Amino acid sequence: MFKRPRLSAQSFPVNAGIAGFLLFYAASCSGPQEPAEQGEAAVQEQDAVPESADAANVNMLPAVWSTRQLDSPVASIGVAGGAGSTFAVAYDDGSVQIFDFDGERITETTGEGTRALAEGRYAMLAGTPVTIFPGIDAEGSLKVWIYGGGVAAPIQYDLQGDQTGPAAGLCAAPPADDADSIHRIAYWTETEPATLYNGAVREAGGELVFEVEDEQSADGPITACIISGDAATAFTDPVDAAASLRRLGRETLILSEGNGRLKLAVGESEPASFDIREGITVEVPSMFTSLAATGDARGGGYPGGVIIVGGTVSGDDHRVVMIDPSRITMSPIEVPTATE
């Protein structure tokens, strides 16, 4: 079995527990800070699309917002809606940075060592309000990145509990019942890529503990997964990324197959393909390196939720782009038939 050393926060005493960690964390907060590298963090202007043009493209979703050029290629994105209203970007060099829904950087980057991130959430840990983002470090260990207050960069903290092997990928979602757990995580491993392990993160004994509750086998190597309620669903090739957009009891599945398009499905309907329409000032990567979504996006003025993708626009111009799914999430009309 793959064993990990006892985990600790960056620059924090090992074995201190989550309560002590949060005491250290709170002491490091000095209130809201100005966005890091503010000159680089400005966003593109939101594009106003004429109603007639929008109606003529029923199988298109508009890209409405974008960061400016980022320092490194985007490897992974984790988004937290609601009171969290932020998204975390893991760069190819392994560093992590937090953005708000206006696309502005609100922290500095962490050190290297992050492989992937998943959906985050706003939560109370040991009585302290924070936003947490589950993820995988460079060695394949499951961890969480904690952000809030005025900390300069998200802080890495470990999860107790054994893994069956180095994690190759993961997905996450809030629990169906907040009283039962803090968050849910599903992951697959490098050694067993066709098995998905699904479980819950809880506070226990002064630590954050991840407990596997069930596992399922896929038809082949897993490439993506989502969690709905307490159930996890695995995807295989050609799907290379998946997200679930939950809004007012309506769940929309979002899939990427590496072709610069997205497939969306509401409920039990078949996924329909959608092109992404660029705005007047918003460019869209031809291929997506990462995908995330939230239906609760009150921090950024997206009434129907937001889909967030990362990729390279051209050359070394790396960006994160926000896409408006309102045509699907706010319409009673069935999803249009896919056009291949």
C-alpha atoms as a PDB file:
ATOM      1  CA  MET A   1       0.000   0.000   0.000  1.00  0.00           C
ATOM      2  CA  PHE A   2       1.201   3.492  -0.797  1.00  0.00           C
ATOM      3  CA  LYS A   3       2.122   5.182   2.476  1.00  0.00           C
ATOM      4  CA  ARG A   4       2.721   8.864   2.933  1.00  0.00           C
ATOM      5  CA  PRO A   5       4.498  10.740   5.698  1.00  0.00           C
ATOM      6  CA  ARG A   6       2.363  12.712   8.109  1.00  0.00           C
ATOM      7  CA  LEU A   7       1.355  15.855   6.304  1.00  0.00           C
ATOM      8  CA  SER A   8       1.926  19.439   7.337  1.00  0.00           C
ATOM      9  CA  ALA A   9       1.206  22.918   6.099  1.00  0.00           C
ATOM     10  CA  GLN A  10       3.971  24.814   4.353  1.00  0.00           C
ATOM     11  CA  SER A  11       6.279  26.474   6.917  1.00  0.00           C
ATOM     12  CA  PHE A  12       4.202  25.048   9.749  1.00  0.00           C
ATOM     13  CA  PRO A  13       5.163  22.612  12.526  1.00  0.00           C
ATOM     14  CA  VAL A  14       4.399  18.988  11.700  1.00  0.00           C
ATOM     15  CA  ASN A  15       1.861  17.208  13.974  1.00  0.00           C
ATOM     16  CA  ALA A  16       0.224  20.432  15.144  1.00  0.00           C
ATOM     17  CA  GLY A  17      -3.228  19.480  13.870  1.00  0.00           C
ATOM     18  CA  ILE A  18      -5.772  21.514  11.942  1.00  0.00           C
ATOM     19  CA  ALA A  19      -6.730  23.724  14.925  1.00  0.00           C
ATOM     20  CA  GLY A  20      -3.119  24.740  15.498  1.00  0.00           C
ATOM     21  CA  PHE A  21      -2.610  25.180  11.782  1.00  0.00           C
ATOM     22  CA  LEU A  22      -5.589  27.540  11.585  1.00  0.00           C
ATOM     23  CA  LEU A  23      -4.315  29.502  14.576  1.00  0.00           C
ATOM     24  CA  PHE A  24      -1.063  29.981  12.678  1.00  0.00           C
ATOM     25  CA  TYR A  25      -3.063  30.751   9.556  1.00  0.00           C
ATOM     26  CA  ALA A  26      -5.206  33.372  11.317  1.00  0.00           C
ATOM     27  CA  ALA A  27      -2.122  35.028  12.782  1.00  0.00           C
ATOM     28  CA  SER A  28      -0.696  35.388   9.286  1.00  0.00           C
ATOM     29  CA  CYS A  29      -3.791  37.198   8.008  1.00  0.00           C
ATOM     30  CA  SER A  30      -3.712  40.967   8.049  1.00  0.00           C
ATOM     31  CA  GLY A  31      -7.011  41.702   6.342  1.00  0.00           C
ATOM     32  CA  PRO A  32      -7.724  42.065   2.640  1.00  0.00           C
ATOM     33  CA  GLN A  33      -4.717  42.726   0.444  1.00  0.00           C
ATOM     34  CA  GLU A  34      -4.326  44.379  -2.908  1.00  0.00           C
ATOM     35  CA  PRO A  35      -4.213  41.880  -5.789  1.00  0.00           C
ATOM     36  CA  ALA A  36      -0.723  40.618  -6.502  1.00  0.00           C
ATOM     37  CA  GLU A  37       0.873  41.997  -9.663  1.00  0.00           C
ATOM     38  CA  GLN A  38      -2.143  44.166 -10.251  1.00  0.00           C
ATOM     39  CA  GLY A  39      -0.876  45.474 -13.541  1.00  0.00           C
ATOM     40  CA  GLU A  40      -0.871  41.948 -14.964  1.00  0.00           C
ATOM     41  CA  ALA A  41      -4.197  40.932 -13.433  1.00  0.00           C
ATOM     42  CA  ALA A  42      -6.569  43.184 -15.322  1.00  0.00           C
ATOM     43  CA  VAL A  43      -9.382  41.465 -17.202  1.00  0.00           C
ATOM     44  CA  GLN A  44     -10.791  41.928 -20.629  1.00  0.00           C
ATOM     45  CA  GLU A  45     -13.958  43.970 -21.042  1.00  0.00           C
ATOM     46  CA  GLN A  46     -17.135  41.925 -20.991  1.00  0.00           C
ATOM     47  CA  ASP A  47     -18.660  41.653 -24.450  1.00  0.00           C
ATOM     48  CA  ALA A  48     -22.219  42.586 -25.215  1.00  0.00           C
ATOM     49  CA  VAL A  49     -23.636  40.228 -27.827  1.00  0.00           C
ATOM     50  CA  PRO A  50     -26.674  41.334 -29.819  1.00  0.00           C
ATOM     51  CA  GLU A  51     -29.782  39.265 -29.111  1.00  0.00           C
ATOM     52  CA  SER A  52     -30.258  38.405 -32.791  1.00  0.00           C
ATOM     53  CA  ALA A  53     -26.691  37.141 -33.195  1.00  0.00           C
ATOM     54  CA  ASP A  54     -26.959  35.108 -30.004  1.00  0.00           C
ATOM     55  CA  ALA A  55     -30.210  33.478 -31.075  1.00  0.00           C
ATOM     56  CA  ALA A  56     -28.774  32.457 -34.419  1.00  0.00           C
ATOM     57  CA  ASN A  57     -26.060  30.320 -32.794  1.00  0.00           C
ATOM     58  CA  VAL A  58     -27.988  27.844 -30.669  1.00  0.00           C
ATOM     59  CA  ASN A  59     -25.033  25.479 -30.441  1.00  0.00           C
ATOM     60  CA  MET A  60     -22.604  28.122 -29.257  1.00  0.00           C
ATOM     61  CA  LEU A  61     -21.718  29.416 -25.823  1.00  0.00           C
ATOM     62  CA  PRO A  62     -20.179  32.894 -25.476  1.00  0.00           C
ATOM     63  CA  ALA A  63     -16.787  33.520 -23.885  1.00  0.00           C
ATOM     64  CA  VAL A  64     -17.441  36.673 -21.863  1.00  0.00           C
ATOM     65  CA  TRP A  65     -14.405  37.260 -19.677  1.00  0.00           C
ATOM     66  CA  SER A  66     -10.700  36.483 -19.567  1.00  0.00           C
ATOM     67  CA  THR A  67      -7.575  36.991 -17.560  1.00  0.00           C
ATOM     68  CA  ARG A  68      -4.715  38.722 -19.252  1.00  0.00           C
ATOM     69  CA  GLN A  69      -1.645  36.752 -20.244  1.00  0.00           C
ATOM     70  CA  LEU A  70      -0.485  34.424 -17.474  1.00  0.00           C
ATOM     71  CA  ASP A  71       3.099  33.624 -16.554  1.00  0.00           C
ATOM     72  CA  SER A  72       2.969  29.883 -17.289  1.00  0.00           C
ATOM     73  CA  PRO A  73       0.767  27.320 -19.064  1.00  0.00           C
ATOM     74  CA  VAL A  74      -2.352  26.336 -17.102  1.00  0.00           C
ATOM     75  CA  ALA A  75      -2.340  22.697 -15.987  1.00  0.00           C
ATOM     76  CA  SER A  76      -5.442  22.540 -13.780  1.00  0.00           C
ATOM     77  CA  ILE A  77      -8.240  24.695 -12.349  1.00  0.00           C
ATOM     78  CA  GLY A  78     -10.334  24.324  -9.198  1.00  0.00           C
ATOM     79  CA  VAL A  79     -13.332  26.599  -8.735  1.00  0.00           C
ATOM     80  CA  ALA A  80     -15.316  27.453  -5.592  1.00  0.00           C
ATOM     81  CA  GLY A  81     -18.684  29.157  -5.920  1.00  0.00           C
ATOM     82  CA  GLY A  82     -20.953  30.692  -3.299  1.00  0.00           C
ATOM     83  CA  ALA A  83     -19.204  32.502  -0.474  1.00  0.00           C
ATOM     84  CA  GLY A  84     -15.851  31.235  -1.828  1.00  0.00           C
ATOM     85  CA  SER A  85     -16.256  32.898  -5.239  1.00  0.00           C
ATOM     86  CA  THR A  86     -12.682  32.206  -6.311  1.00  0.00           C
ATOM     87  CA  PHE A  87     -10.811  29.831  -8.557  1.00  0.00           C
ATOM     88  CA  ALA A  88      -7.368  28.330  -8.085  1.00  0.00           C
ATOM     89  CA  VAL A  89      -4.981  27.812 -10.997  1.00  0.00           C
ATOM     90  CA  ALA A  90      -2.211  25.221 -10.952  1.00  0.00           C
ATOM     91  CA  TYR A  91       0.484  26.102 -13.470  1.00  0.00           C
ATOM     92  CA  ASP A  92       2.702  23.706 -15.384  1.00  0.00           C
ATOM     93  CA  ASP A  93       5.586  24.556 -13.055  1.00  0.00           C
ATOM     94  CA  GLY A  94       3.550  23.230 -10.098  1.00  0.00           C
ATOM     95  CA  SER A  95       2.753  26.571  -8.469  1.00  0.00           C
ATOM     96  CA  VAL A  96      -0.783  27.635  -7.444  1.00  0.00           C
ATOM     97  CA  GLN A  97      -2.451  31.053  -7.539  1.00  0.00           C
ATOM     98  CA  ILE A  98      -5.934  32.239  -6.518  1.00  0.00           C
ATOM     99  CA  PHE A  99      -8.129  34.474  -8.708  1.00  0.00           C
ATOM    100  CA  ASP A 100     -11.497  36.132  -8.154  1.00  0.00           C
ATOM    101  CA  PHE A 101     -14.362  35.885 -10.650  1.00  0.00           C
ATOM    102  CA  ASP A 102     -13.261  39.155 -12.237  1.00  0.00           C
ATOM    103  CA  GLY A 103     -10.150  37.299 -13.358  1.00  0.00           C
ATOM    104  CA  GLU A 104      -7.877  39.256 -11.010  1.00  0.00           C
ATOM    105  CA  ARG A 105      -5.029  37.579  -9.162  1.00  0.00           C
ATOM    106  CA  ILE A 106      -5.683  37.921  -5.445  1.00  0.00           C
ATOM    107  CA  THR A 107      -2.663  35.997  -4.171  1.00  0.00           C
ATOM    108  CA  GLU A 108       0.929  35.409  -5.056  1.00  0.00           C
ATOM    109  CA  THR A 109       1.924  31.982  -6.377  1.00  0.00           C
ATOM    110  CA  THR A 110       2.855  29.145  -4.044  1.00  0.00           C
ATOM    111  CA  GLY A 111       6.011  27.126  -4.434  1.00  0.00           C
ATOM    112  CA  GLU A 112       6.222  24.272  -6.919  1.00  0.00           C
ATOM    113  CA  GLY A 113       4.871  20.777  -6.377  1.00  0.00           C
ATOM    114  CA  THR A 114       1.204  20.763  -7.445  1.00  0.00           C
ATOM    115  CA  ARG A 115       0.005  18.340 -10.106  1.00  0.00           C
ATOM    116  CA  ALA A 116      -3.781  18.891 -10.162  1.00  0.00           C
ATOM    117  CA  LEU A 117      -6.643  20.737  -8.456  1.00  0.00           C
ATOM    118  CA  ALA A 118     -10.356  20.009  -8.119  1.00  0.00           C
ATOM    119  CA  GLU A 119     -13.569  21.795  -7.157  1.00  0.00           C
ATOM    120  CA  GLY A 120     -13.238  23.736  -3.922  1.00  0.00           C
ATOM    121  CA  ARG A 121     -15.678  25.135  -1.421  1.00  0.00           C
ATOM    122  CA  TYR A 122     -16.103  27.639   1.379  1.00  0.00           C
ATOM    123  CA  ALA A 123     -16.069  25.831   4.725  1.00  0.00           C
ATOM    124  CA  MET A 124     -15.594  26.266   8.453  1.00  0.00           C
ATOM    125  CA  LEU A 125     -12.510  24.457   9.746  1.00  0.00           C
ATOM    126  CA  ALA A 126     -12.025  24.481  13.512  1.00  0.00           C
ATOM    127  CA  GLY A 127     -14.332  27.507  13.619  1.00  0.00           C
ATOM    128  CA  THR A 128     -12.356  29.422  10.978  1.00  0.00           C
ATOM    129  CA  PRO A 129     -13.933  30.429   7.625  1.00  0.00           C
ATOM    130  CA  VAL A 130     -11.705  29.398   4.706  1.00  0.00           C
ATOM    131  CA  THR A 131     -11.904  28.253   1.094  1.00  0.00           C
ATOM    132  CA  ILE A 132     -10.376  24.841   0.462  1.00  0.00           C
ATOM    133  CA  PHE A 133      -9.256  23.299  -2.828  1.00  0.00           C
ATOM    134  CA  PRO A 134      -8.421  19.570  -2.927  1.00  0.00           C
ATOM    135  CA  GLY A 135      -5.561  18.531  -5.164  1.00  0.00           C
ATOM    136  CA  ILE A 136      -2.621  16.245  -5.824  1.00  0.00           C
ATOM    137  CA  ASP A 137       1.019  17.083  -5.211  1.00  0.00           C
ATOM    138  CA  ALA A 138       3.951  16.087  -7.389  1.00  0.00           C
ATOM    139  CA  GLU A 139       4.374  12.765  -5.550  1.00  0.00           C
ATOM    140  CA  GLY A 140       0.711  11.798  -6.011  1.00  0.00           C
ATOM    141  CA  SER A 141      -0.435  12.551  -2.445  1.00  0.00           C
ATOM    142  CA  LEU A 142      -3.920  13.946  -1.862  1.00  0.00           C
ATOM    143  CA  LYS A 143      -3.802  17.349  -0.177  1.00  0.00           C
ATOM    144  CA  VAL A 144      -5.856  20.505   0.269  1.00  0.00           C
ATOM    145  CA  TRP A 145      -4.884  24.100  -0.428  1.00  0.00           C
ATOM    146  CA  ILE A 146      -6.388  26.542   2.083  1.00  0.00           C
ATOM    147  CA  TYR A 147      -7.057  30.194   1.328  1.00  0.00           C
ATOM    148  CA  GLY A 148      -8.735  33.112   3.081  1.00  0.00           C
ATOM    149  CA  GLY A 149      -8.193  36.433   4.776  1.00  0.00           C
ATOM    150  CA  GLY A 150      -5.019  38.197   3.777  1.00  0.00           C
ATOM    151  CA  VAL A 151      -2.573  35.329   3.363  1.00  0.00           C
ATOM    152  CA  ALA A 152      -0.092  36.005   0.608  1.00  0.00           C
ATOM    153  CA  ALA A 153      -0.610  32.624  -1.095  1.00  0.00           C
ATOM    154  CA  PRO A 154      -2.737  29.508  -0.574  1.00  0.00           C
ATOM    155  CA  ILE A 155      -1.290  27.224   2.081  1.00  0.00           C
ATOM    156  CA  GLN A 156      -0.891  23.497   1.499  1.00  0.00           C
ATOM    157  CA  TYR A 157      -2.194  21.117   4.149  1.00  0.00           C
ATOM    158  CA  ASP A 158      -2.191  17.349   4.227  1.00  0.00           C
ATOM    159  CA  LEU A 159      -4.984  14.798   4.442  1.00  0.00           C
ATOM    160  CA  GLN A 160      -4.671  11.874   6.826  1.00  0.00           C
ATOM    161  CA  GLY A 161      -5.693   8.432   5.612  1.00  0.00           C
ATOM    162  CA  ASP A 162      -4.055   5.818   3.432  1.00  0.00           C
ATOM    163  CA  GLN A 163      -4.062   5.869  -0.347  1.00  0.00           C
ATOM    164  CA  THR A 164      -3.950   2.774  -2.494  1.00  0.00           C
ATOM    165  CA  GLY A 165      -1.209   4.310  -4.650  1.00  0.00           C
ATOM    166  CA  PRO A 166      -0.024   7.648  -6.070  1.00  0.00           C
ATOM    167  CA  ALA A 167      -3.075   9.543  -7.342  1.00  0.00           C
ATOM    168  CA  ALA A 168      -3.111  10.211 -11.090  1.00  0.00           C
ATOM    169  CA  GLY A 169      -6.246  12.375 -11.151  1.00  0.00           C
ATOM    170  CA  LEU A 170      -9.162  13.491  -9.007  1.00  0.00           C
ATOM    171  CA  CYS A 171     -12.501  15.256  -8.836  1.00  0.00           C
ATOM    172  CA  ALA A 172     -14.335  16.810  -5.892  1.00  0.00           C
ATOM    173  CA  ALA A 173     -17.674  18.295  -4.847  1.00  0.00           C
ATOM    174  CA  PRO A 174     -19.464  19.504  -1.724  1.00  0.00           C
ATOM    175  CA  PRO A 175     -21.187  16.736   0.238  1.00  0.00           C
ATOM    176  CA  ALA A 176     -24.886  16.017  -0.123  1.00  0.00           C
ATOM    177  CA  ASP A 177     -25.180  16.608   3.631  1.00  0.00           C
ATOM    178  CA  ASP A 178     -22.894  19.245   5.150  1.00  0.00           C
ATOM    179  CA  ALA A 179     -23.340  17.704   8.596  1.00  0.00           C
ATOM    180  CA  ASP A 180     -21.799  14.450   7.397  1.00  0.00           C
ATOM    181  CA  SER A 181     -18.520  15.720   5.962  1.00  0.00           C
ATOM    182  CA  ILE A 182     -16.585  18.764   4.810  1.00  0.00           C
ATOM    183  CA  HIS A 183     -16.006  17.784   1.184  1.00  0.00           C
ATOM    184  CA  ARG A 184     -15.978  14.789  -1.155  1.00  0.00           C
ATOM    185  CA  ILE A 185     -13.084  13.532  -3.271  1.00  0.00           C
ATOM    186  CA  ALA A 186     -12.796  10.766  -5.852  1.00  0.00           C
ATOM    187  CA  TYR A 187      -9.465   9.729  -7.350  1.00  0.00           C
ATOM    188  CA  TRP A 188      -7.752   7.081  -9.450  1.00  0.00           C
ATOM    189  CA  THR A 189      -4.166   5.939  -9.245  1.00  0.00           C
ATOM    190  CA  GLU A 190      -1.176   5.407 -11.485  1.00  0.00           C
ATOM    191  CA  THR A 191      -1.102   1.706 -10.572  1.00  0.00           C
ATOM    192  CA  GLU A 192      -4.881   1.109 -10.884  1.00  0.00           C
ATOM    193  CA  PRO A 193      -6.017   3.619 -13.520  1.00  0.00           C
ATOM    194  CA  ALA A 194      -9.359   1.849 -14.111  1.00  0.00           C
ATOM    195  CA  THR A 195     -10.539   2.012 -10.468  1.00  0.00           C
ATOM    196  CA  LEU A 196     -12.199   5.100  -8.998  1.00  0.00           C
ATOM    197  CA  TYR A 197     -12.049   5.553  -5.218  1.00  0.00           C
ATOM    198  CA  ASN A 198     -14.786   7.798  -3.788  1.00  0.00           C
ATOM    199  CA  GLY A 199     -14.857   9.133  -0.241  1.00  0.00           C
ATOM    200  CA  ALA A 200     -15.335  11.981   2.210  1.00  0.00           C
ATOM    201  CA  VAL A 201     -13.124  14.501   3.992  1.00  0.00           C
ATOM    202  CA  ARG A 202     -13.940  14.926   7.675  1.00  0.00           C
ATOM    203  CA  GLU A 203     -12.460  16.572  10.749  1.00  0.00           C
ATOM    204  CA  ALA A 204     -11.390  13.867  13.192  1.00  0.00           C
ATOM    205  CA  GLY A 205      -8.945  13.928  16.074  1.00  0.00           C
ATOM    206  CA  GLY A 206      -7.863  17.445  15.220  1.00  0.00           C
ATOM    207  CA  GLU A 207      -6.931  16.455  11.661  1.00  0.00           C
ATOM    208  CA  LEU A 208      -8.468  16.445   8.204  1.00  0.00           C
ATOM    209  CA  VAL A 209      -9.072  12.816   7.310  1.00  0.00           C
ATOM    210  CA  PHE A 210     -10.046  11.343   3.941  1.00  0.00           C
ATOM    211  CA  GLU A 211     -11.958   8.065   4.117  1.00  0.00           C
ATOM    212  CA  VAL A 212     -12.703   5.959   1.026  1.00  0.00           C
ATOM    213  CA  GLU A 213     -16.344   4.824   1.109  1.00  0.00           C
ATOM    214  CA  ASP A 214     -16.714   2.963  -2.180  1.00  0.00           C
ATOM    215  CA  GLU A 215     -14.874   2.091  -5.360  1.00  0.00           C
ATOM    216  CA  GLN A 216     -15.930   1.302  -8.910  1.00  0.00           C
ATOM    217  CA  SER A 217     -14.309  -0.139 -11.994  1.00  0.00           C
ATOM    218  CA  ALA A 218     -14.270   1.595 -15.381  1.00  0.00           C
ATOM    219  CA  ASP A 219     -14.018   0.054 -18.851  1.00  0.00           C
ATOM    220  CA  GLY A 220     -10.521   1.416 -19.305  1.00  0.00           C
ATOM    221  CA  PRO A 221      -8.042   3.919 -17.859  1.00  0.00           C
ATOM    222  CA  ILE A 222      -9.935   6.787 -16.223  1.00  0.00           C
ATOM    223  CA  THR A 223      -9.318  10.234 -17.670  1.00  0.00           C
ATOM    224  CA  ALA A 224     -11.845  12.331 -15.697  1.00  0.00           C
ATOM    225  CA  CYS A 225     -14.590  12.060 -13.100  1.00  0.00           C
ATOM    226  CA  ILE A 226     -17.401  14.006 -11.439  1.00  0.00           C
ATOM    227  CA  ILE A 227     -19.239  13.694  -8.122  1.00  0.00           C
ATOM    228  CA  SER A 228     -23.001  14.206  -7.894  1.00  0.00           C
ATOM    229  CA  GLY A 229     -24.414  13.988  -4.401  1.00  0.00           C
ATOM    230  CA  ASP A 230     -22.393  11.182  -2.874  1.00  0.00           C
ATOM    231  CA  ALA A 231     -21.980   9.200  -6.113  1.00  0.00           C
ATOM    232  CA  ALA A 232     -18.946   9.432  -8.390  1.00  0.00           C
ATOM    233  CA  THR A 233     -18.902   8.848 -12.150  1.00  0.00           C
ATOM    234  CA  ALA A 234     -15.762   7.956 -14.106  1.00  0.00           C
ATOM    235  CA  PHE A 235     -15.021   8.835 -17.742  1.00  0.00           C
ATOM    236  CA  THR A 236     -12.534   7.315 -20.152  1.00  0.00           C
ATOM    237  CA  ASP A 237     -11.047   8.292 -23.516  1.00  0.00           C
ATOM    238  CA  PRO A 238     -12.013  10.363 -25.542  1.00  0.00           C
ATOM    239  CA  VAL A 239     -13.129  12.516 -22.570  1.00  0.00           C
ATOM    240  CA  ASP A 240     -10.127  14.374 -21.187  1.00  0.00           C
ATOM    241  CA  ALA A 241     -11.908  16.612 -18.652  1.00  0.00           C
ATOM    242  CA  ALA A 242     -15.310  16.771 -16.966  1.00  0.00           C
ATOM    243  CA  ALA A 243     -17.194  19.137 -14.673  1.00  0.00           C
ATOM    244  CA  SER A 244     -20.649  19.375 -13.175  1.00  0.00           C
ATOM    245  CA  LEU A 245     -22.560  22.646 -13.014  1.00  0.00           C
ATOM    246  CA  ARG A 246     -25.204  22.581 -10.268  1.00  0.00           C
ATOM    247  CA  ARG A 247     -27.773  25.365 -10.203  1.00  0.00           C
ATOM    248  CA  LEU A 248     -31.139  25.469  -8.397  1.00  0.00           C
ATOM    249  CA  GLY A 249     -31.454  21.707  -8.370  1.00  0.00           C
ATOM    250  CA  ARG A 250     -30.536  21.389 -12.034  1.00  0.00           C
ATOM    251  CA  GLU A 251     -27.309  19.598 -12.886  1.00  0.00           C
ATOM    252  CA  THR A 252     -25.480  20.104 -16.167  1.00  0.00           C
ATOM    253  CA  LEU A 253     -22.700  17.730 -17.192  1.00  0.00           C
ATOM    254  CA  ILE A 254     -19.810  19.350 -19.073  1.00  0.00           C
ATOM    255  CA  LEU A 255     -17.297  17.283 -21.039  1.00  0.00           C
ATOM    256  CA  SER A 256     -14.168  18.150 -23.014  1.00  0.00           C
ATOM    257  CA  GLU A 257     -12.740  15.789 -25.621  1.00  0.00           C
ATOM    258  CA  GLY A 258      -9.620  17.715 -26.565  1.00  0.00           C
ATOM    259  CA  ASN A 259     -11.047  19.374 -29.680  1.00  0.00           C
ATOM    260  CA  GLY A 260     -11.720  22.888 -28.414  1.00  0.00           C
ATOM    261  CA  ARG A 261     -15.449  22.231 -28.051  1.00  0.00           C
ATOM    262  CA  LEU A 262     -17.555  21.342 -25.034  1.00  0.00           C
ATOM    263  CA  LYS A 263     -20.374  18.829 -24.682  1.00  0.00           C
ATOM    264  CA  LEU A 264     -23.200  19.674 -22.296  1.00  0.00           C
ATOM    265  CA  ALA A 265     -26.016  17.470 -21.036  1.00  0.00           C
ATOM    266  CA  VAL A 266     -28.843  18.392 -18.658  1.00  0.00           C
ATOM    267  CA  GLY A 267     -30.019  15.558 -16.442  1.00  0.00           C
ATOM    268  CA  GLU A 268     -30.318  12.311 -18.397  1.00  0.00           C
ATOM    269  CA  SER A 269     -30.193  13.908 -21.853  1.00  0.00           C
ATOM    270  CA  GLU A 270     -27.494  12.998 -24.374  1.00  0.00           C
ATOM    271  CA  PRO A 271     -24.501  15.371 -24.458  1.00  0.00           C
ATOM    272  CA  ALA A 272     -24.720  18.023 -27.177  1.00  0.00           C
ATOM    273  CA  SER A 273     -21.632  19.655 -28.706  1.00  0.00           C
ATOM    274  CA  PHE A 274     -21.119  23.395 -28.366  1.00  0.00           C
ATOM    275  CA  ASP A 275     -18.547  25.664 -29.947  1.00  0.00           C
ATOM    276  CA  ILE A 276     -17.212  28.560 -27.901  1.00  0.00           C
ATOM    277  CA  ARG A 277     -17.777  31.953 -29.489  1.00  0.00           C
ATOM    278  CA  GLU A 278     -15.015  34.490 -28.935  1.00  0.00           C
ATOM    279  CA  GLY A 279     -15.958  37.969 -27.826  1.00  0.00           C
ATOM    280  CA  ILE A 280     -14.785  41.252 -29.256  1.00  0.00           C
ATOM    281  CA  THR A 281     -11.851  41.311 -26.830  1.00  0.00           C
ATOM    282  CA  VAL A 282     -11.898  37.750 -25.472  1.00  0.00           C
ATOM    283  CA  GLU A 283      -9.809  35.122 -27.244  1.00  0.00           C
ATOM    284  CA  VAL A 284     -10.418  31.412 -26.656  1.00  0.00           C
ATOM    285  CA  PRO A 285      -7.716  28.716 -26.615  1.00  0.00           C
ATOM    286  CA  SER A 286      -8.000  26.319 -29.539  1.00  0.00           C
ATOM    287  CA  MET A 287      -7.476  23.412 -27.096  1.00  0.00           C
ATOM    288  CA  PHE A 288      -8.381  23.303 -23.408  1.00  0.00           C
ATOM    289  CA  THR A 289      -5.813  22.167 -20.863  1.00  0.00           C
ATOM    290  CA  SER A 290      -8.235  22.413 -17.945  1.00  0.00           C
ATOM    291  CA  LEU A 291     -11.955  22.668 -17.176  1.00  0.00           C
ATOM    292  CA  ALA A 292     -13.997  23.715 -14.141  1.00  0.00           C
ATOM    293  CA  ALA A 293     -17.517  25.023 -13.522  1.00  0.00           C
ATOM    294  CA  THR A 294     -19.851  26.301 -10.841  1.00  0.00           C
ATOM    295  CA  GLY A 295     -23.552  27.095 -10.858  1.00  0.00           C
ATOM    296  CA  ASP A 296     -23.242  29.433  -7.870  1.00  0.00           C
ATOM    297  CA  ALA A 297     -21.195  32.321  -9.180  1.00  0.00           C
ATOM    298  CA  ARG A 298     -22.572  35.255  -7.259  1.00  0.00           C
ATOM    299  CA  GLY A 299     -19.116  36.774  -6.875  1.00  0.00           C
ATOM    300  CA  GLY A 300     -18.746  37.547 -10.570  1.00  0.00           C
ATOM    301  CA  GLY A 301     -22.157  38.426 -11.951  1.00  0.00           C
ATOM    302  CA  TYR A 302     -22.846  35.194 -13.839  1.00  0.00           C
ATOM    303  CA  PRO A 303     -26.557  34.503 -13.207  1.00  0.00           C
ATOM    304  CA  GLY A 304     -26.503  31.115 -14.949  1.00  0.00           C
ATOM    305  CA  GLY A 305     -23.200  29.957 -13.480  1.00  0.00           C
ATOM    306  CA  VAL A 306     -19.854  29.959 -15.225  1.00  0.00           C
ATOM    307  CA  ILE A 307     -17.625  27.495 -17.071  1.00  0.00           C
ATOM    308  CA  ILE A 308     -13.899  28.158 -16.736  1.00  0.00           C
ATOM    309  CA  VAL A 309     -11.285  26.792 -19.136  1.00  0.00           C
ATOM    310  CA  GLY A 310      -7.543  27.241 -19.425  1.00  0.00           C
ATOM    311  CA  GLY A 311      -5.227  26.981 -22.379  1.00  0.00           C
ATOM    312  CA  THR A 312      -2.889  28.768 -24.745  1.00  0.00           C
ATOM    313  CA  VAL A 313      -4.276  31.407 -27.077  1.00  0.00           C
ATOM    314  CA  SER A 314      -1.106  31.641 -29.168  1.00  0.00           C
ATOM    315  CA  GLY A 315       2.627  31.263 -28.671  1.00  0.00           C
ATOM    316  CA  ASP A 316       3.312  31.858 -24.984  1.00  0.00           C
ATOM    317  CA  ASP A 317      -0.005  33.650 -24.365  1.00  0.00           C
ATOM    318  CA  HIS A 318      -1.621  31.496 -21.658  1.00  0.00           C
ATOM    319  CA  ARG A 319      -5.046  32.437 -20.317  1.00  0.00           C
ATOM    320  CA  VAL A 320      -8.049  31.411 -18.287  1.00  0.00           C
ATOM    321  CA  VAL A 321     -11.382  32.138 -19.984  1.00  0.00           C
ATOM    322  CA  MET A 322     -14.875  32.375 -18.473  1.00  0.00           C
ATOM    323  CA  ILE A 323     -17.794  31.039 -20.540  1.00  0.00           C
ATOM    324  CA  ASP A 324     -21.476  31.848 -19.962  1.00  0.00           C
ATOM    325  CA  PRO A 325     -23.697  28.710 -19.943  1.00  0.00           C
ATOM    326  CA  SER A 326     -26.944  30.634 -19.327  1.00  0.00           C
ATOM    327  CA  ARG A 327     -28.471  29.439 -22.607  1.00  0.00           C
ATOM    328  CA  ILE A 328     -28.552  25.981 -21.058  1.00  0.00           C
ATOM    329  CA  THR A 329     -28.862  26.590 -17.335  1.00  0.00           C
ATOM    330  CA  MET A 330     -31.536  29.295 -17.493  1.00  0.00           C
ATOM    331  CA  SER A 331     -33.643  27.933 -20.349  1.00  0.00           C
ATOM    332  CA  PRO A 332     -36.536  25.451 -20.024  1.00  0.00           C
ATOM    333  CA  ILE A 333     -35.870  24.357 -23.623  1.00  0.00           C
ATOM    334  CA  GLU A 334     -34.088  21.050 -24.139  1.00  0.00           C
ATOM    335  CA  VAL A 335     -30.428  21.102 -25.094  1.00  0.00           C
ATOM    336  CA  PRO A 336     -30.078  21.319 -28.915  1.00  0.00           C
ATOM    337  CA  THR A 337     -29.032  18.239 -30.825  1.00  0.00           C
ATOM    338  CA  ALA A 338     -25.281  17.978 -31.218  1.00  0.00           C
ATOM    339  CA  THR A 339     -23.737  19.032 -34.494  1.00  0.00           C
ATOM    340  CA  GLU A 340     -20.554  17.132 -35.223  1.00  0.00           C
END
